[in-house]
C-alpha atoms as a PDB file:
ATOM      1  CA  MET A   1      12.396   9.823 -22.239  1.00  0.00           C
ATOM      2  CA  ILE A   2       9.409   7.424 -22.884  1.00  0.00           C
ATOM      3  CA  MET A   3      10.210   4.952 -21.300  1.00  0.00           C
ATOM      4  CA  THR A   4      10.756   6.507 -17.894  1.00  0.00           C
ATOM      5  CA  THR A   5       7.548   7.834 -17.831  1.00  0.00           C
ATOM      6  CA  ARG A   6       5.856   4.381 -18.583  1.00  0.00           C
ATOM      7  CA  VAL A   7       7.761   3.131 -15.708  1.00  0.00           C
ATOM      8  CA  LEU A   8       6.883   6.148 -13.342  1.00  0.00           C
ATOM      9  CA  ARG A   9       2.998   5.293 -14.504  1.00  0.00           C
ATOM     10  CA  ILE A  10       3.125   1.626 -14.115  1.00  0.00           C
ATOM     11  CA  MET A  11       4.847   2.807 -10.477  1.00  0.00           C
ATOM     12  CA  GLY A  12       2.092   4.573  -9.650  1.00  0.00           C
ATOM     13  CA  ALA A  13      -0.573   2.373 -10.871  1.00  0.00           C
ATOM     14  CA  ALA A  14       1.099  -0.303  -8.654  1.00  0.00           C
ATOM     15  CA  THR A  15       1.440   1.597  -5.474  1.00  0.00           C
ATOM     16  CA  LEU A  16      -2.583   2.531  -6.184  1.00  0.00           C
ATOM     17  CA  ALA A  17      -3.497  -0.901  -6.465  1.00  0.00           C
ATOM     18  CA  ALA A  18      -1.864  -1.979  -3.367  1.00  0.00           C
ATOM     19  CA  ALA A  19      -3.717   0.872  -1.258  1.00  0.00           C
ATOM     20  CA  LEU A  20      -6.541  -0.483  -2.272  1.00  0.00           C
ATOM     21  CA  VAL A  21      -5.937  -3.956  -1.622  1.00  0.00           C
ATOM     22  CA  LEU A  22      -5.291  -2.793   1.854  1.00  0.00           C
ATOM     23  CA  GLY A  23      -7.930  -0.866   2.418  1.00  0.00           C
ATOM     24  CA  PHE A  24      -9.984  -3.718   1.045  1.00  0.00           C
ATOM     25  CA  ILE A  25      -8.606  -5.815   3.692  1.00  0.00           C
ATOM     26  CA  GLY A  26      -8.995  -3.533   6.223  1.00  0.00           C
ATOM     27  CA  TYR A  27     -12.726  -3.749   5.800  1.00  0.00           C
ATOM     28  CA  LEU A  28     -12.730  -7.263   5.978  1.00  0.00           C
ATOM     29  CA  GLN A  29     -10.633  -7.624   8.728  1.00  0.00           C
ATOM     30  CA  PRO A  30     -10.266  -4.447  11.144  1.00  0.00           C
ATOM     31  CA  GLY A  31      -7.753  -6.429  13.275  1.00  0.00           C
ATOM     32  CA  PHE A  32      -5.678  -7.047  10.712  1.00  0.00           C
ATOM     33  CA  MET A  33      -4.469  -3.466   9.840  1.00  0.00           C
ATOM     34  CA  VAL A  34      -4.603  -2.776  13.690  1.00  0.00           C
ATOM     35  CA  ASP A  35      -1.839  -5.332  13.679  1.00  0.00           C
ATOM     36  CA  LEU A  36      -0.289  -4.135  10.641  1.00  0.00           C
ATOM     37  CA  THR A  37      -0.340  -0.402  12.089  1.00  0.00           C
ATOM     38  CA  ASN A  38       1.340  -1.379  15.415  1.00  0.00           C
ATOM     39  CA  MET A  39       3.936  -3.172  13.939  1.00  0.00           C
ATOM     40  CA  VAL A  40       4.829  -0.460  11.288  1.00  0.00           C
ATOM     41  CA  LEU A  41       4.587   2.257  14.217  1.00  0.00           C
ATOM     42  CA  ALA A  42       7.179  -0.066  16.559  1.00  0.00           C
ATOM     43  CA  TRP A  43       9.735  -0.160  13.066  1.00  0.00           C
ATOM     44  CA  CYS A  44       9.495   3.597  12.935  1.00  0.00           C
ATOM     45  CA  GLY A  45       9.325   4.527  16.465  1.00  0.00           C
END
C-alpha cells in the first residue's frame, strides 16, 4: 500500500515537471508550442 502512494506521488511530480518544462519552452519559443499544439490537434481530430 505504501509503495502505491509513493509511485503515484512520483508520477504526479513527473507530470508536473513535464508541464513546467513545456510551459518554459513555450515561453521561450512560442512557435514551437504552436507547432506542438497543431500536431496534437491533428492526431486527435
